[in-house]
Amino acid sequence: MLCTLAAKATPLWVRSAHTLFRKKPMQYRRLGRSGLKVSELSLGSWVTYGTQVDTKAATECMAAAWDAGVNFFDNAEAYARGMSETIMGESLKQLGWRRAQLVVSTKFFWGLNDGPNERNTLNRKYLMQAIDGSLKRLQLEYVDLAFCHRPDPNTPIEETVRAMSDMITQGKVLYWGTSEWSADEIRAAFEIAERHHLHKPVMEQPQYNLFARDKVEKEFARLYGDMGLGLTTWSPLASGLLSGKYAKGIPADSRAAIKGYEWIAERVTDAAKLAKVEKLRPIAAELGCTVSQLAIAWCVKNPNVSTVITGASRVSQVQENMKALDVLPKLTAEMMLRIEAATA
């Protein structure tokens, strides 16, 4: 079940070194107040795995990210209705990395079936079977991080906290946290865990980019010091809007063109925001990078962010995203103010 070093069974294209494409080496940050270290940039599977990406492409992208120093790979039960976990599990098996080197996550809430205790819930019954399903699809004995994918107003927070804490006690999860919860909900979960001597939530996974800032920069401000909250942020490019590639419409090979994701198309064609993206182009040119790399580096610049989850459907995109780390040292206080003014 565990990923083991299996170089002999690994395809040559995986074992061969990829071309060096970055100057700045990957740095690792503690996940909040925990001792776990995650790469500043990580690789996620939302939308792509199972829709744009098959197992071969996923394995190639994960190998490229790994060569760049990425150690955290993000997933969720609901991504492609479980297929994303299955694909990642097969990729991990092929790559044969030592399990101790990896940080792998999953998330629970949406469910895969329509029963009253199987969808849109964080009750104990659902959670205790959901973790087993994810481990089977990922072909792992444990996941490092498990997130409650959304808050559940119909389940007492204490019930959810106890179930997540039990996953850790059972050795199926190492750390648990939340995704897109409010500061009040996170604090309530933390205080319940502390009061009952249970495993506390360690991290939150919010959206964070130049167009979605309030939760990370304002709402959670007290939580970083009060409870040592770590962040694994998603959508640094605002679903691709900050890539600049939607200035002339929606490319046929983009995620915004996928059937069922029309809501992304609506977001990335926002005229007012596209105008702001255009204001970033000369700044990016001055820094010698793309608008995408600038936007990703801007997210990493926030010291409260433990890791920025990137997405890619092909190796070239992974390589381009990793170059954002070369931009990081160039983001001086003056440059940050200019970016702020361009997107205000």
C-alpha atoms as a PDB file:
ATOM      1  CA  MET A   1       0.000   0.000   0.000  1.00  0.00           C
ATOM      2  CA  LEU A   2       2.789   2.441   0.852  1.00  0.00           C
ATOM      3  CA  CYS A   3       4.769   4.121  -1.910  1.00  0.00           C
ATOM      4  CA  THR A   4       8.200   2.487  -1.954  1.00  0.00           C
ATOM      5  CA  LEU A   5      11.378   3.201  -3.843  1.00  0.00           C
ATOM      6  CA  ALA A   6      10.940   1.185  -7.012  1.00  0.00           C
ATOM      7  CA  ALA A   7      13.291   2.677  -9.576  1.00  0.00           C
ATOM      8  CA  LYS A   8      13.525  -0.529 -11.597  1.00  0.00           C
ATOM      9  CA  ALA A   9       9.783  -0.505 -12.215  1.00  0.00           C
ATOM     10  CA  THR A  10       9.704   3.207 -12.955  1.00  0.00           C
ATOM     11  CA  PRO A  11       9.662   4.305 -16.627  1.00  0.00           C
ATOM     12  CA  LEU A  12      12.833   5.917 -17.928  1.00  0.00           C
ATOM     13  CA  TRP A  13      11.093   9.202 -18.588  1.00  0.00           C
ATOM     14  CA  VAL A  14      10.310   9.448 -14.878  1.00  0.00           C
ATOM     15  CA  ARG A  15      13.782   8.526 -13.658  1.00  0.00           C
ATOM     16  CA  SER A  16      15.661  10.731 -16.098  1.00  0.00           C
ATOM     17  CA  ALA A  17      16.422  14.207 -14.787  1.00  0.00           C
ATOM     18  CA  HIS A  18      14.291  16.970 -16.200  1.00  0.00           C
ATOM     19  CA  THR A  19      15.942  20.027 -17.707  1.00  0.00           C
ATOM     20  CA  LEU A  20      16.738  22.615 -15.063  1.00  0.00           C
ATOM     21  CA  PHE A  21      14.307  25.457 -15.504  1.00  0.00           C
ATOM     22  CA  ARG A  22      14.620  27.480 -12.310  1.00  0.00           C
ATOM     23  CA  LYS A  23      17.384  29.433 -10.612  1.00  0.00           C
ATOM     24  CA  LYS A  24      15.933  29.823  -7.121  1.00  0.00           C
ATOM     25  CA  PRO A  25      15.747  26.520  -5.203  1.00  0.00           C
ATOM     26  CA  MET A  26      12.479  25.512  -3.590  1.00  0.00           C
ATOM     27  CA  GLN A  27      12.074  26.604   0.008  1.00  0.00           C
ATOM     28  CA  TYR A  28       9.956  24.811   2.607  1.00  0.00           C
ATOM     29  CA  ARG A  29       7.683  26.432   5.162  1.00  0.00           C
ATOM     30  CA  ARG A  30       6.149  25.077   8.328  1.00  0.00           C
ATOM     31  CA  LEU A  31       2.453  24.352   8.068  1.00  0.00           C
ATOM     32  CA  GLY A  32       1.330  26.926  10.588  1.00  0.00           C
ATOM     33  CA  ARG A  33       2.566  26.089  14.056  1.00  0.00           C
ATOM     34  CA  SER A  34       3.022  22.387  13.244  1.00  0.00           C
ATOM     35  CA  GLY A  35       6.421  20.869  12.567  1.00  0.00           C
ATOM     36  CA  LEU A  36       5.427  19.690   9.072  1.00  0.00           C
ATOM     37  CA  LYS A  37       7.239  21.407   6.210  1.00  0.00           C
ATOM     38  CA  VAL A  38       5.622  21.914   2.816  1.00  0.00           C
ATOM     39  CA  SER A  39       7.090  23.344  -0.378  1.00  0.00           C
ATOM     40  CA  GLU A  40       6.307  26.999  -1.080  1.00  0.00           C
ATOM     41  CA  LEU A  41       4.639  25.873  -4.309  1.00  0.00           C
ATOM     42  CA  SER A  42       2.596  22.681  -4.503  1.00  0.00           C
ATOM     43  CA  LEU A  43       0.602  20.848  -7.159  1.00  0.00           C
ATOM     44  CA  GLY A  44      -3.151  20.322  -7.057  1.00  0.00           C
ATOM     45  CA  SER A  45      -5.499  18.158  -9.111  1.00  0.00           C
ATOM     46  CA  TRP A  46      -8.774  20.104  -9.082  1.00  0.00           C
ATOM     47  CA  VAL A  47     -10.553  20.229 -12.493  1.00  0.00           C
ATOM     48  CA  THR A  48      -7.558  18.797 -14.397  1.00  0.00           C
ATOM     49  CA  TYR A  49      -7.259  15.170 -13.183  1.00  0.00           C
ATOM     50  CA  GLY A  50      -9.971  13.064 -14.738  1.00  0.00           C
ATOM     51  CA  THR A  51     -11.139  15.824 -17.090  1.00  0.00           C
ATOM     52  CA  GLN A  52      -8.083  17.322 -18.832  1.00  0.00           C
ATOM     53  CA  VAL A  53      -5.433  14.956 -17.486  1.00  0.00           C
ATOM     54  CA  ASP A  54      -5.128  11.162 -17.645  1.00  0.00           C
ATOM     55  CA  THR A  55      -2.733   9.030 -15.592  1.00  0.00           C
ATOM     56  CA  LYS A  56       0.203   9.435 -17.992  1.00  0.00           C
ATOM     57  CA  ALA A  57      -0.088  13.218 -18.108  1.00  0.00           C
ATOM     58  CA  ALA A  58      -0.621  13.415 -14.341  1.00  0.00           C
ATOM     59  CA  THR A  59       2.474  11.327 -13.711  1.00  0.00           C
ATOM     60  CA  GLU A  60       4.548  13.530 -16.010  1.00  0.00           C
ATOM     61  CA  CYS A  61       3.330  16.711 -14.296  1.00  0.00           C
ATOM     62  CA  MET A  62       3.935  15.301 -10.826  1.00  0.00           C
ATOM     63  CA  ALA A  63       7.448  14.206 -11.832  1.00  0.00           C
ATOM     64  CA  ALA A  64       8.229  17.695 -13.158  1.00  0.00           C
ATOM     65  CA  ALA A  65       6.930  19.304  -9.968  1.00  0.00           C
ATOM     66  CA  TRP A  66       8.924  16.842  -7.862  1.00  0.00           C
ATOM     67  CA  ASP A  67      12.116  17.690  -9.764  1.00  0.00           C
ATOM     68  CA  ALA A  68      11.448  21.346  -8.947  1.00  0.00           C
ATOM     69  CA  GLY A  69      11.289  20.534  -5.229  1.00  0.00           C
ATOM     70  CA  VAL A  70       7.518  20.183  -4.733  1.00  0.00           C
ATOM     71  CA  ASN A  71       6.685  17.781  -1.902  1.00  0.00           C
ATOM     72  CA  PHE A  72       2.953  18.521  -1.426  1.00  0.00           C
ATOM     73  CA  PHE A  73       0.288  17.116  -3.758  1.00  0.00           C
ATOM     74  CA  ASP A  74      -3.291  18.216  -3.092  1.00  0.00           C
ATOM     75  CA  ASN A  75      -6.452  16.247  -3.858  1.00  0.00           C
ATOM     76  CA  ALA A  76     -10.078  15.771  -2.754  1.00  0.00           C
ATOM     77  CA  GLU A  77     -12.657  13.023  -2.715  1.00  0.00           C
ATOM     78  CA  ALA A  78     -15.039  15.042  -4.882  1.00  0.00           C
ATOM     79  CA  TYR A  79     -12.559  15.966  -7.630  1.00  0.00           C
ATOM     80  CA  ALA A  80     -13.841  14.192 -10.759  1.00  0.00           C
ATOM     81  CA  ARG A  81     -16.029  12.100  -8.414  1.00  0.00           C
ATOM     82  CA  GLY A  82     -13.113  10.146  -6.992  1.00  0.00           C
ATOM     83  CA  MET A  83     -11.262   9.731 -10.294  1.00  0.00           C
ATOM     84  CA  SER A  84      -8.710  12.395  -9.348  1.00  0.00           C
ATOM     85  CA  GLU A  85      -7.657  10.364  -6.307  1.00  0.00           C
ATOM     86  CA  THR A  86      -7.513   7.191  -8.400  1.00  0.00           C
ATOM     87  CA  ILE A  87      -5.276   8.854 -10.989  1.00  0.00           C
ATOM     88  CA  MET A  88      -2.969  10.318  -8.351  1.00  0.00           C
ATOM     89  CA  GLY A  89      -2.778   6.957  -6.618  1.00  0.00           C
ATOM     90  CA  GLU A  90      -1.706   5.263  -9.849  1.00  0.00           C
ATOM     91  CA  SER A  91       0.837   8.027 -10.505  1.00  0.00           C
ATOM     92  CA  LEU A  92       2.329   7.686  -7.030  1.00  0.00           C
ATOM     93  CA  LYS A  93       2.613   3.942  -7.553  1.00  0.00           C
ATOM     94  CA  GLN A  94       4.440   4.425 -10.858  1.00  0.00           C
ATOM     95  CA  LEU A  95       6.745   7.122  -9.519  1.00  0.00           C
ATOM     96  CA  GLY A  96       7.779   4.990  -6.553  1.00  0.00           C
ATOM     97  CA  TRP A  97       8.793   7.812  -4.254  1.00  0.00           C
ATOM     98  CA  ARG A  98       9.441   7.043  -0.591  1.00  0.00           C
ATOM     99  CA  ARG A  99       6.238   7.719   1.335  1.00  0.00           C
ATOM    100  CA  ALA A 100       8.087   9.706   3.992  1.00  0.00           C
ATOM    101  CA  GLN A 101       9.121  12.231   1.341  1.00  0.00           C
ATOM    102  CA  LEU A 102       5.555  13.012   0.339  1.00  0.00           C
ATOM    103  CA  VAL A 103       2.811  15.224   1.714  1.00  0.00           C
ATOM    104  CA  VAL A 104      -0.537  14.123   0.248  1.00  0.00           C
ATOM    105  CA  SER A 105      -3.946  15.575   1.075  1.00  0.00           C
ATOM    106  CA  THR A 106      -7.611  14.913   0.504  1.00  0.00           C
ATOM    107  CA  LYS A 107     -10.856  16.640   1.469  1.00  0.00           C
ATOM    108  CA  PHE A 108     -14.346  15.597   2.548  1.00  0.00           C
ATOM    109  CA  PHE A 109     -17.832  17.103   2.344  1.00  0.00           C
ATOM    110  CA  TRP A 110     -19.487  16.780  -1.073  1.00  0.00           C
ATOM    111  CA  GLY A 111     -19.535  12.974  -1.121  1.00  0.00           C
ATOM    112  CA  LEU A 112     -19.785  10.551  -4.041  1.00  0.00           C
ATOM    113  CA  ASN A 113     -23.309   9.194  -3.535  1.00  0.00           C
ATOM    114  CA  ASP A 114     -26.795  10.607  -2.980  1.00  0.00           C
ATOM    115  CA  GLY A 115     -27.765   9.017   0.343  1.00  0.00           C
ATOM    116  CA  PRO A 116     -28.865  11.315   3.200  1.00  0.00           C
ATOM    117  CA  ASN A 117     -25.590  10.598   5.034  1.00  0.00           C
ATOM    118  CA  GLU A 118     -23.367  10.579   1.957  1.00  0.00           C
ATOM    119  CA  ARG A 119     -23.586  14.060   0.466  1.00  0.00           C
ATOM    120  CA  ASN A 120     -22.937  17.615   1.690  1.00  0.00           C
ATOM    121  CA  THR A 121     -22.227  16.550   5.248  1.00  0.00           C
ATOM    122  CA  LEU A 122     -19.503  16.308   7.865  1.00  0.00           C
ATOM    123  CA  ASN A 123     -21.294  13.897  10.157  1.00  0.00           C
ATOM    124  CA  ARG A 124     -19.341  11.084  11.770  1.00  0.00           C
ATOM    125  CA  LYS A 125     -20.925   8.291   9.697  1.00  0.00           C
ATOM    126  CA  TYR A 126     -19.910   9.923   6.422  1.00  0.00           C
ATOM    127  CA  LEU A 127     -16.431  10.962   7.500  1.00  0.00           C
ATOM    128  CA  MET A 128     -15.392   7.571   8.867  1.00  0.00           C
ATOM    129  CA  GLN A 129     -16.238   5.789   5.598  1.00  0.00           C
ATOM    130  CA  ALA A 130     -14.983   8.638   3.394  1.00  0.00           C
ATOM    131  CA  ILE A 131     -11.402   8.404   4.660  1.00  0.00           C
ATOM    132  CA  ASP A 132     -11.327   4.663   3.923  1.00  0.00           C
ATOM    133  CA  GLY A 133     -12.555   5.266   0.379  1.00  0.00           C
ATOM    134  CA  SER A 134      -9.931   7.934  -0.258  1.00  0.00           C
ATOM    135  CA  LEU A 135      -7.098   5.775   1.063  1.00  0.00           C
ATOM    136  CA  LYS A 136      -8.181   2.927  -1.195  1.00  0.00           C
ATOM    137  CA  ARG A 137      -8.262   5.165  -4.282  1.00  0.00           C
ATOM    138  CA  LEU A 138      -4.937   6.798  -3.421  1.00  0.00           C
ATOM    139  CA  GLN A 139      -3.392   3.386  -2.609  1.00  0.00           C
ATOM    140  CA  LEU A 140      -1.985   4.808   0.631  1.00  0.00           C
ATOM    141  CA  GLU A 141      -2.141   3.700   4.246  1.00  0.00           C
ATOM    142  CA  TYR A 142      -2.551   7.306   5.426  1.00  0.00           C
ATOM    143  CA  VAL A 143      -2.851  10.849   4.106  1.00  0.00           C
ATOM    144  CA  ASP A 144      -0.787  13.616   5.626  1.00  0.00           C
ATOM    145  CA  LEU A 145      -3.535  16.241   5.494  1.00  0.00           C
ATOM    146  CA  ALA A 146      -7.318  15.866   5.573  1.00  0.00           C
ATOM    147  CA  PHE A 147      -9.580  18.873   5.109  1.00  0.00           C
ATOM    148  CA  CYS A 148     -13.253  19.427   5.856  1.00  0.00           C
ATOM    149  CA  HIS A 149     -13.999  20.768   2.384  1.00  0.00           C
ATOM    150  CA  ARG A 150     -16.808  23.127   3.458  1.00  0.00           C
ATOM    151  CA  PRO A 151     -18.570  23.861   6.772  1.00  0.00           C
ATOM    152  CA  ASP A 152     -21.680  21.812   7.548  1.00  0.00           C
ATOM    153  CA  PRO A 153     -24.376  23.861   9.319  1.00  0.00           C
ATOM    154  CA  ASN A 154     -26.428  20.709   9.943  1.00  0.00           C
ATOM    155  CA  THR A 155     -23.805  18.820  11.955  1.00  0.00           C
ATOM    156  CA  PRO A 156     -22.560  20.006  15.366  1.00  0.00           C
ATOM    157  CA  ILE A 157     -18.958  21.148  15.045  1.00  0.00           C
ATOM    158  CA  GLU A 158     -18.055  18.955  18.023  1.00  0.00           C
ATOM    159  CA  GLU A 159     -19.177  15.846  16.127  1.00  0.00           C
ATOM    160  CA  THR A 160     -16.988  16.782  13.176  1.00  0.00           C
ATOM    161  CA  VAL A 161     -14.003  17.630  15.387  1.00  0.00           C
ATOM    162  CA  ARG A 162     -14.217  14.276  17.187  1.00  0.00           C
ATOM    163  CA  ALA A 163     -14.432  12.343  13.904  1.00  0.00           C
ATOM    164  CA  MET A 164     -11.428  14.156  12.402  1.00  0.00           C
ATOM    165  CA  SER A 165      -9.464  13.713  15.628  1.00  0.00           C
ATOM    166  CA  ASP A 166     -10.275   9.995  15.606  1.00  0.00           C
ATOM    167  CA  MET A 167      -8.877   9.679  12.074  1.00  0.00           C
ATOM    168  CA  ILE A 168      -5.554  10.904  13.449  1.00  0.00           C
ATOM    169  CA  THR A 169      -5.714   8.592  16.465  1.00  0.00           C
ATOM    170  CA  GLN A 170      -6.376   5.667  14.098  1.00  0.00           C
ATOM    171  CA  GLY A 171      -3.295   6.539  12.027  1.00  0.00           C
ATOM    172  CA  LYS A 172      -5.242   7.281   8.851  1.00  0.00           C
ATOM    173  CA  VAL A 173      -4.486  11.030   8.885  1.00  0.00           C
ATOM    174  CA  LEU A 174      -1.558  13.011  10.319  1.00  0.00           C
ATOM    175  CA  TYR A 175      -3.032  16.539  10.429  1.00  0.00           C
ATOM    176  CA  TRP A 176      -6.542  17.850   9.856  1.00  0.00           C
ATOM    177  CA  GLY A 177      -7.917  21.200   8.867  1.00  0.00           C
ATOM    178  CA  THR A 178     -10.645  23.061   7.016  1.00  0.00           C
ATOM    179  CA  SER A 179     -11.322  24.593   3.615  1.00  0.00           C
ATOM    180  CA  GLU A 180     -13.377  27.725   3.043  1.00  0.00           C
ATOM    181  CA  TRP A 181     -14.544  27.913   6.667  1.00  0.00           C
ATOM    182  CA  SER A 182     -15.108  31.257   8.374  1.00  0.00           C
ATOM    183  CA  ALA A 183     -12.770  32.483  11.088  1.00  0.00           C
ATOM    184  CA  ASP A 184     -15.507  31.965  13.693  1.00  0.00           C
ATOM    185  CA  GLU A 185     -16.065  28.352  12.610  1.00  0.00           C
ATOM    186  CA  ILE A 186     -12.346  27.590  12.676  1.00  0.00           C
ATOM    187  CA  ARG A 187     -11.944  29.146  16.106  1.00  0.00           C
ATOM    188  CA  ALA A 188     -14.937  27.178  17.409  1.00  0.00           C
ATOM    189  CA  ALA A 189     -13.426  23.896  16.149  1.00  0.00           C
ATOM    190  CA  PHE A 190     -10.066  24.744  17.693  1.00  0.00           C
ATOM    191  CA  GLU A 191     -11.566  25.614  21.085  1.00  0.00           C
ATOM    192  CA  ILE A 192     -13.698  22.445  21.149  1.00  0.00           C
ATOM    193  CA  ALA A 193     -10.628  20.337  20.407  1.00  0.00           C
ATOM    194  CA  GLU A 194      -8.620  22.122  23.077  1.00  0.00           C
ATOM    195  CA  ARG A 195     -11.387  21.790  25.664  1.00  0.00           C
ATOM    196  CA  HIS A 196     -11.790  18.050  25.105  1.00  0.00           C
ATOM    197  CA  HIS A 197      -8.078  17.273  24.532  1.00  0.00           C
ATOM    198  CA  LEU A 198      -8.654  16.284  20.899  1.00  0.00           C
ATOM    199  CA  HIS A 199      -6.411  16.819  17.869  1.00  0.00           C
ATOM    200  CA  LYS A 200      -6.793  20.462  16.832  1.00  0.00           C
ATOM    201  CA  PRO A 201      -7.260  21.770  13.294  1.00  0.00           C
ATOM    202  CA  VAL A 202      -3.896  22.885  11.954  1.00  0.00           C
ATOM    203  CA  MET A 203      -4.591  24.428   8.553  1.00  0.00           C
ATOM    204  CA  GLU A 204      -7.173  26.095   6.322  1.00  0.00           C
ATOM    205  CA  GLN A 205      -7.368  26.030   2.532  1.00  0.00           C
ATOM    206  CA  PRO A 206      -8.893  29.300   1.293  1.00  0.00           C
ATOM    207  CA  GLN A 207      -8.894  30.863  -2.130  1.00  0.00           C
ATOM    208  CA  TYR A 208      -6.214  33.550  -2.270  1.00  0.00           C
ATOM    209  CA  ASN A 209      -5.154  35.754  -5.167  1.00  0.00           C
ATOM    210  CA  LEU A 210      -4.992  39.398  -6.171  1.00  0.00           C
ATOM    211  CA  PHE A 211      -8.787  39.438  -6.578  1.00  0.00           C
ATOM    212  CA  ALA A 212      -9.666  37.388  -3.473  1.00  0.00           C
ATOM    213  CA  ARG A 213      -7.827  38.760  -0.460  1.00  0.00           C
ATOM    214  CA  ASP A 214     -10.131  39.650   2.433  1.00  0.00           C
ATOM    215  CA  LYS A 215     -10.375  36.238   4.087  1.00  0.00           C
ATOM    216  CA  VAL A 216      -6.603  35.662   4.229  1.00  0.00           C
ATOM    217  CA  GLU A 217      -5.543  39.231   4.946  1.00  0.00           C
ATOM    218  CA  LYS A 218      -8.375  40.456   7.195  1.00  0.00           C
ATOM    219  CA  GLU A 219     -10.765  37.787   8.466  1.00  0.00           C
ATOM    220  CA  PHE A 220      -8.058  35.307   9.515  1.00  0.00           C
ATOM    221  CA  ALA A 221      -5.611  37.946  10.822  1.00  0.00           C
ATOM    222  CA  ARG A 222      -6.019  37.001  14.501  1.00  0.00           C
ATOM    223  CA  LEU A 223      -5.881  33.242  13.867  1.00  0.00           C
ATOM    224  CA  TYR A 224      -2.235  33.135  12.768  1.00  0.00           C
ATOM    225  CA  GLY A 225      -0.998  34.259  16.168  1.00  0.00           C
ATOM    226  CA  ASP A 226      -3.816  32.946  18.373  1.00  0.00           C
ATOM    227  CA  MET A 227      -3.858  29.358  17.100  1.00  0.00           C
ATOM    228  CA  GLY A 228      -0.943  29.109  14.674  1.00  0.00           C
ATOM    229  CA  LEU A 229      -3.143  28.562  11.613  1.00  0.00           C
ATOM    230  CA  GLY A 230      -1.351  27.430   8.462  1.00  0.00           C
ATOM    231  CA  LEU A 231      -2.633  28.105   4.927  1.00  0.00           C
ATOM    232  CA  THR A 232      -2.552  25.956   1.808  1.00  0.00           C
ATOM    233  CA  THR A 233      -4.054  28.489  -0.582  1.00  0.00           C
ATOM    234  CA  TRP A 234      -5.735  27.684  -3.896  1.00  0.00           C
ATOM    235  CA  SER A 235      -6.460  29.475  -7.185  1.00  0.00           C
ATOM    236  CA  PRO A 236      -3.491  31.899  -7.252  1.00  0.00           C
ATOM    237  CA  LEU A 237      -4.495  32.769 -10.826  1.00  0.00           C
ATOM    238  CA  ALA A 238      -8.209  33.262 -10.027  1.00  0.00           C
ATOM    239  CA  SER A 239      -9.227  30.270 -12.191  1.00  0.00           C
ATOM    240  CA  GLY A 240      -6.883  31.503 -14.928  1.00  0.00           C
ATOM    241  CA  LEU A 241      -8.070  35.110 -15.020  1.00  0.00           C
ATOM    242  CA  LEU A 242      -4.669  36.329 -13.782  1.00  0.00           C
ATOM    243  CA  SER A 243      -2.853  34.376 -16.475  1.00  0.00           C
ATOM    244  CA  GLY A 244      -3.905  36.994 -19.006  1.00  0.00           C
ATOM    245  CA  LYS A 245      -4.815  34.286 -21.533  1.00  0.00           C
ATOM    246  CA  TYR A 246      -8.509  35.212 -21.502  1.00  0.00           C
ATOM    247  CA  ALA A 247      -7.994  38.756 -22.771  1.00  0.00           C
ATOM    248  CA  LYS A 248      -9.183  37.725 -26.245  1.00  0.00           C
ATOM    249  CA  GLY A 249     -11.727  35.091 -25.260  1.00  0.00           C
ATOM    250  CA  ILE A 250     -11.695  31.509 -24.000  1.00  0.00           C
ATOM    251  CA  PRO A 251      -9.143  29.139 -25.602  1.00  0.00           C
ATOM    252  CA  ALA A 252     -10.602  25.766 -26.584  1.00  0.00           C
ATOM    253  CA  ASP A 253      -8.055  23.845 -24.484  1.00  0.00           C
ATOM    254  CA  SER A 254      -8.613  25.782 -21.253  1.00  0.00           C
ATOM    255  CA  ARG A 255     -10.528  24.595 -18.195  1.00  0.00           C
ATOM    256  CA  ALA A 256     -13.060  27.375 -18.761  1.00  0.00           C
ATOM    257  CA  ALA A 257     -14.107  25.581 -21.950  1.00  0.00           C
ATOM    258  CA  ILE A 258     -14.882  22.275 -20.190  1.00  0.00           C
ATOM    259  CA  LYS A 259     -18.545  21.280 -20.100  1.00  0.00           C
ATOM    260  CA  GLY A 260     -19.898  21.694 -16.579  1.00  0.00           C
ATOM    261  CA  TYR A 261     -17.490  24.503 -15.712  1.00  0.00           C
ATOM    262  CA  GLU A 262     -19.383  27.352 -17.327  1.00  0.00           C
ATOM    263  CA  TRP A 263     -19.169  29.243 -14.035  1.00  0.00           C
ATOM    264  CA  ILE A 264     -15.401  29.526 -14.564  1.00  0.00           C
ATOM    265  CA  ALA A 265     -16.000  31.034 -17.991  1.00  0.00           C
ATOM    266  CA  GLU A 266     -18.169  33.715 -16.390  1.00  0.00           C
ATOM    267  CA  ARG A 267     -15.448  34.570 -13.883  1.00  0.00           C
ATOM    268  CA  VAL A 268     -12.544  34.796 -16.320  1.00  0.00           C
ATOM    269  CA  THR A 269     -14.358  37.069 -18.764  1.00  0.00           C
ATOM    270  CA  ASP A 270     -15.064  39.801 -16.191  1.00  0.00           C
ATOM    271  CA  ALA A 271     -14.231  42.944 -18.169  1.00  0.00           C
ATOM    272  CA  ALA A 272     -13.295  45.094 -15.161  1.00  0.00           C
ATOM    273  CA  LYS A 273     -10.867  42.494 -13.824  1.00  0.00           C
ATOM    274  CA  LEU A 274      -9.407  41.817 -17.266  1.00  0.00           C
ATOM    275  CA  ALA A 275      -8.608  45.527 -17.510  1.00  0.00           C
ATOM    276  CA  LYS A 276      -6.681  45.277 -14.233  1.00  0.00           C
ATOM    277  CA  VAL A 277      -4.773  42.244 -15.508  1.00  0.00           C
ATOM    278  CA  GLU A 278      -3.675  44.338 -18.486  1.00  0.00           C
ATOM    279  CA  LYS A 279      -2.218  46.885 -16.050  1.00  0.00           C
ATOM    280  CA  LEU A 280      -0.042  44.119 -14.633  1.00  0.00           C
ATOM    281  CA  ARG A 281       1.570  43.319 -17.987  1.00  0.00           C
ATOM    282  CA  PRO A 282       4.134  46.171 -17.998  1.00  0.00           C
ATOM    283  CA  ILE A 283       5.038  45.393 -14.371  1.00  0.00           C
ATOM    284  CA  ALA A 284       5.594  41.744 -15.242  1.00  0.00           C
ATOM    285  CA  ALA A 285       7.660  42.728 -18.283  1.00  0.00           C
ATOM    286  CA  GLU A 286       9.836  44.917 -16.070  1.00  0.00           C
ATOM    287  CA  LEU A 287      10.392  41.978 -13.735  1.00  0.00           C
ATOM    288  CA  GLY A 288      11.187  39.688 -16.662  1.00  0.00           C
ATOM    289  CA  CYS A 289       8.283  37.309 -16.037  1.00  0.00           C
ATOM    290  CA  THR A 290       4.759  36.506 -17.159  1.00  0.00           C
ATOM    291  CA  VAL A 291       1.642  37.872 -15.486  1.00  0.00           C
ATOM    292  CA  SER A 292       0.969  34.356 -14.177  1.00  0.00           C
ATOM    293  CA  GLN A 293       4.376  34.114 -12.537  1.00  0.00           C
ATOM    294  CA  LEU A 294       3.912  37.558 -11.014  1.00  0.00           C
ATOM    295  CA  ALA A 295       0.510  36.583  -9.579  1.00  0.00           C
ATOM    296  CA  ILE A 296       1.824  33.330  -8.092  1.00  0.00           C
ATOM    297  CA  ALA A 297       4.895  35.009  -6.595  1.00  0.00           C
ATOM    298  CA  TRP A 298       2.653  37.674  -5.053  1.00  0.00           C
ATOM    299  CA  CYS A 299       0.760  34.933  -3.172  1.00  0.00           C
ATOM    300  CA  VAL A 300       3.975  33.293  -1.939  1.00  0.00           C
ATOM    301  CA  LYS A 301       5.162  36.677  -0.674  1.00  0.00           C
ATOM    302  CA  ASN A 302       2.574  36.554   2.142  1.00  0.00           C
ATOM    303  CA  PRO A 303       4.390  35.058   5.173  1.00  0.00           C
ATOM    304  CA  ASN A 304       1.152  33.567   6.530  1.00  0.00           C
ATOM    305  CA  VAL A 305       0.825  31.358   3.439  1.00  0.00           C
ATOM    306  CA  SER A 306       2.450  27.971   3.978  1.00  0.00           C
ATOM    307  CA  THR A 307       2.114  26.824   0.364  1.00  0.00           C
ATOM    308  CA  VAL A 308       0.471  28.024  -2.839  1.00  0.00           C
ATOM    309  CA  ILE A 309      -1.312  25.250  -4.739  1.00  0.00           C
ATOM    310  CA  THR A 310      -0.746  25.480  -8.483  1.00  0.00           C
ATOM    311  CA  GLY A 311      -2.509  23.572 -11.220  1.00  0.00           C
ATOM    312  CA  ALA A 312      -1.268  22.247 -14.565  1.00  0.00           C
ATOM    313  CA  SER A 313      -2.453  19.990 -17.360  1.00  0.00           C
ATOM    314  CA  ARG A 314       0.946  19.635 -19.007  1.00  0.00           C
ATOM    315  CA  VAL A 315       4.627  19.693 -18.027  1.00  0.00           C
ATOM    316  CA  SER A 316       5.327  23.060 -19.682  1.00  0.00           C
ATOM    317  CA  GLN A 317       2.759  24.679 -17.366  1.00  0.00           C
ATOM    318  CA  VAL A 318       4.408  23.133 -14.313  1.00  0.00           C
ATOM    319  CA  GLN A 319       7.758  24.517 -15.441  1.00  0.00           C
ATOM    320  CA  GLU A 320       6.355  27.976 -16.061  1.00  0.00           C
ATOM    321  CA  ASN A 321       4.635  28.046 -12.667  1.00  0.00           C
ATOM    322  CA  MET A 322       7.801  27.035 -10.821  1.00  0.00           C
ATOM    323  CA  LYS A 323       9.663  29.998 -12.331  1.00  0.00           C
ATOM    324  CA  ALA A 324       7.482  32.222 -10.145  1.00  0.00           C
ATOM    325  CA  LEU A 325       9.976  31.564  -7.353  1.00  0.00           C
ATOM    326  CA  ASP A 326      12.605  33.492  -9.323  1.00  0.00           C
ATOM    327  CA  VAL A 327      10.311  36.529  -9.200  1.00  0.00           C
ATOM    328  CA  LEU A 328       9.911  36.418  -5.418  1.00  0.00           C
ATOM    329  CA  PRO A 329      13.157  38.268  -4.512  1.00  0.00           C
ATOM    330  CA  LYS A 330      12.202  41.052  -6.941  1.00  0.00           C
ATOM    331  CA  LEU A 331       8.956  41.853  -5.127  1.00  0.00           C
ATOM    332  CA  THR A 332      10.239  44.804  -3.144  1.00  0.00           C
ATOM    333  CA  ALA A 333       7.981  46.981  -1.010  1.00  0.00           C
ATOM    334  CA  GLU A 334       7.828  49.504  -3.856  1.00  0.00           C
ATOM    335  CA  MET A 335       6.932  46.814  -6.384  1.00  0.00           C
ATOM    336  CA  MET A 336       4.202  45.439  -4.112  1.00  0.00           C
ATOM    337  CA  LEU A 337       2.666  48.926  -3.922  1.00  0.00           C
ATOM    338  CA  ARG A 338       2.652  49.162  -7.711  1.00  0.00           C
ATOM    339  CA  ILE A 339       0.909  45.807  -8.009  1.00  0.00           C
ATOM    340  CA  GLU A 340      -1.576  46.930  -5.365  1.00  0.00           C
ATOM    341  CA  ALA A 341      -2.359  50.099  -7.311  1.00  0.00           C
ATOM    342  CA  ALA A 342      -2.789  48.194 -10.591  1.00  0.00           C
ATOM    343  CA  THR A 343      -5.360  45.833  -9.135  1.00  0.00           C
ATOM    344  CA  ALA A 344      -7.184  48.177  -6.751  1.00  0.00           C
END
